[in-house]
Every structure is written in structure tokens, then in C-alpha cells.
C-alpha atoms as a PDB file:
ATOM      1  CA  MET A   1     123.975-161.538 218.567  1.00  0.00           C
ATOM      2  CA  ASP A   2     127.413-162.918 219.619  1.00  0.00           C
ATOM      3  CA  ALA A   3     130.001-161.492 221.432  1.00  0.00           C
ATOM      4  CA  ASP A   4     132.545-161.689 218.343  1.00  0.00           C
ATOM      5  CA  GLU A   5     130.122-160.565 215.955  1.00  0.00           C
ATOM      6  CA  PRO A   6     131.266-157.460 214.163  1.00  0.00           C
ATOM      7  CA  THR A   7     128.709-154.857 214.400  1.00  0.00           C
ATOM      8  CA  ALA A   8     127.577-152.617 211.051  1.00  0.00           C
ATOM      9  CA  PRO A   9     128.657-149.010 211.142  1.00  0.00           C
ATOM     10  CA  SER A  10     125.672-146.707 211.750  1.00  0.00           C
ATOM     11  CA  THR A  11     125.503-144.390 209.238  1.00  0.00           C
ATOM     12  CA  ALA A  12     122.104-142.427 210.707  1.00  0.00           C
ATOM     13  CA  VAL A  13     124.447-140.450 212.855  1.00  0.00           C
ATOM     14  CA  TRP A  14     125.869-139.027 210.048  1.00  0.00           C
ATOM     15  CA  TYR A  15     122.664-137.707 208.830  1.00  0.00           C
ATOM     16  CA  PHE A  16     122.181-136.439 212.211  1.00  0.00           C
ATOM     17  CA  VAL A  17     125.298-134.511 212.187  1.00  0.00           C
ATOM     18  CA  ALA A  18     124.871-132.833 208.782  1.00  0.00           C
ATOM     19  CA  ALA A  19     121.324-132.288 209.521  1.00  0.00           C
ATOM     20  CA  THR A  20     122.511-130.069 213.091  1.00  0.00           C
ATOM     21  CA  PHE A  21     125.107-128.304 210.765  1.00  0.00           C
ATOM     22  CA  LEU A  22     122.102-127.105 208.452  1.00  0.00           C
ATOM     23  CA  PHE A  23     120.685-126.121 211.086  1.00  0.00           C
ATOM     24  CA  SER A  24     123.089-124.027 213.020  1.00  0.00           C
ATOM     25  CA  GLY A  25     124.422-122.326 209.876  1.00  0.00           C
ATOM     26  CA  ALA A  26     120.978-121.280 209.177  1.00  0.00           C
ATOM     27  CA  VAL A  27     120.563-119.478 212.690  1.00  0.00           C
ATOM     28  CA  PHE A  28     123.935-118.549 212.279  1.00  0.00           C
ATOM     29  CA  GLY A  29     123.831-116.904 208.850  1.00  0.00           C
ATOM     30  CA  GLN A  30     120.762-115.539 210.244  1.00  0.00           C
ATOM     31  CA  THR A  31     121.818-113.468 213.000  1.00  0.00           C
ATOM     32  CA  LEU A  32     125.584-112.852 212.647  1.00  0.00           C
ATOM     33  CA  LEU A  33     125.962-112.869 208.616  1.00  0.00           C
ATOM     34  CA  ASP A  34     122.737-110.760 208.180  1.00  0.00           C
ATOM     35  CA  ALA A  35     122.268-113.282 204.761  1.00  0.00           C
ATOM     36  CA  THR A  36     119.430-113.021 202.932  1.00  0.00           C
ATOM     37  CA  PRO A  37     116.194-114.355 204.732  1.00  0.00           C
ATOM     38  CA  TRP A  38     115.989-117.082 201.405  1.00  0.00           C
ATOM     39  CA  LEU A  39     119.398-118.459 202.144  1.00  0.00           C
ATOM     40  CA  GLY A  40     118.656-119.687 205.898  1.00  0.00           C
ATOM     41  CA  VAL A  41     114.896-120.654 205.047  1.00  0.00           C
ATOM     42  CA  LEU A  42     116.724-122.569 202.469  1.00  0.00           C
ATOM     43  CA  SER A  43     119.748-124.166 204.984  1.00  0.00           C
ATOM     44  CA  PHE A  44     116.945-124.926 206.985  1.00  0.00           C
ATOM     45  CA  ALA A  45     114.791-126.431 204.533  1.00  0.00           C
ATOM     46  CA  ILE A  46     117.867-129.029 203.534  1.00  0.00           C
ATOM     47  CA  GLY A  47     118.739-129.629 207.088  1.00  0.00           C
ATOM     48  CA  ALA A  48     114.706-130.944 207.796  1.00  0.00           C
ATOM     49  CA  VAL A  49     115.562-132.730 205.081  1.00  0.00           C
ATOM     50  CA  VAL A  50     118.278-134.373 206.144  1.00  0.00           C
ATOM     51  CA  MET A  51     116.745-135.052 209.483  1.00  0.00           C
ATOM     52  CA  ILE A  52     114.006-136.741 207.621  1.00  0.00           C
ATOM     53  CA  ILE A  53     116.505-138.784 205.277  1.00  0.00           C
ATOM     54  CA  GLY A  54     118.568-140.057 208.646  1.00  0.00           C
ATOM     55  CA  CYS A  55     115.246-140.951 210.416  1.00  0.00           C
ATOM     56  CA  VAL A  56     114.450-143.291 207.394  1.00  0.00           C
ATOM     57  CA  VAL A  57     118.163-144.986 207.500  1.00  0.00           C
ATOM     58  CA  PHE A  58     118.067-145.039 211.349  1.00  0.00           C
ATOM     59  CA  ALA A  59     114.673-147.044 210.896  1.00  0.00           C
ATOM     60  CA  ARG A  60     116.207-149.071 208.429  1.00  0.00           C
ATOM     61  CA  GLU A  61     119.770-150.331 211.007  1.00  0.00           C
ATOM     62  CA  LEU A  62     117.103-150.957 213.696  1.00  0.00           C
ATOM     63  CA  ARG A  63     114.980-153.500 211.257  1.00  0.00           C
ATOM     64  CA  ALA A  64     118.676-154.833 210.107  1.00  0.00           C
ATOM     65  CA  LYS A  65     119.794-155.464 213.986  1.00  0.00           C
ATOM     66  CA  LYS A  66     116.664-157.122 215.055  1.00  0.00           C
ATOM     67  CA  ARG A  67     116.810-159.815 212.111  1.00  0.00           C
END
């Protein structure tokens, strides 16, 4: 890769940031807000799905950089 070539922006990091907020939201809702248990489970499950999608996007970005 040449120093003058622009690099493609990484979008995988935003999936990981979103998953982190969903995970912390699940913990926050269960400990401080005394929310219903299904809300914490739902937030955690959505966070896990977003994390998996982030891993897929990250792998795709790594393959694209190797080409």
C-alpha cells in the first residue's frame, strides 16, 4: 500500500461500539433501574447479534485490505 492511497473507513468499529452500549444498557437496566427481566435479556440478545454482525463486517474489511 502506498502512503498516498486513501484508506477505506472502517465501519466494523461502529458495530462494536453499538454492541457495547447494548450490553451496558442491559446491565444498567437490570441493576440500577430495576427493569423487567425480559428487557435486559432482549438488550443483551440484540447486543450479541450486533457483535456477530460486527465480526462479519470486520472479516470482510480485512479480506478487502489484503486484495
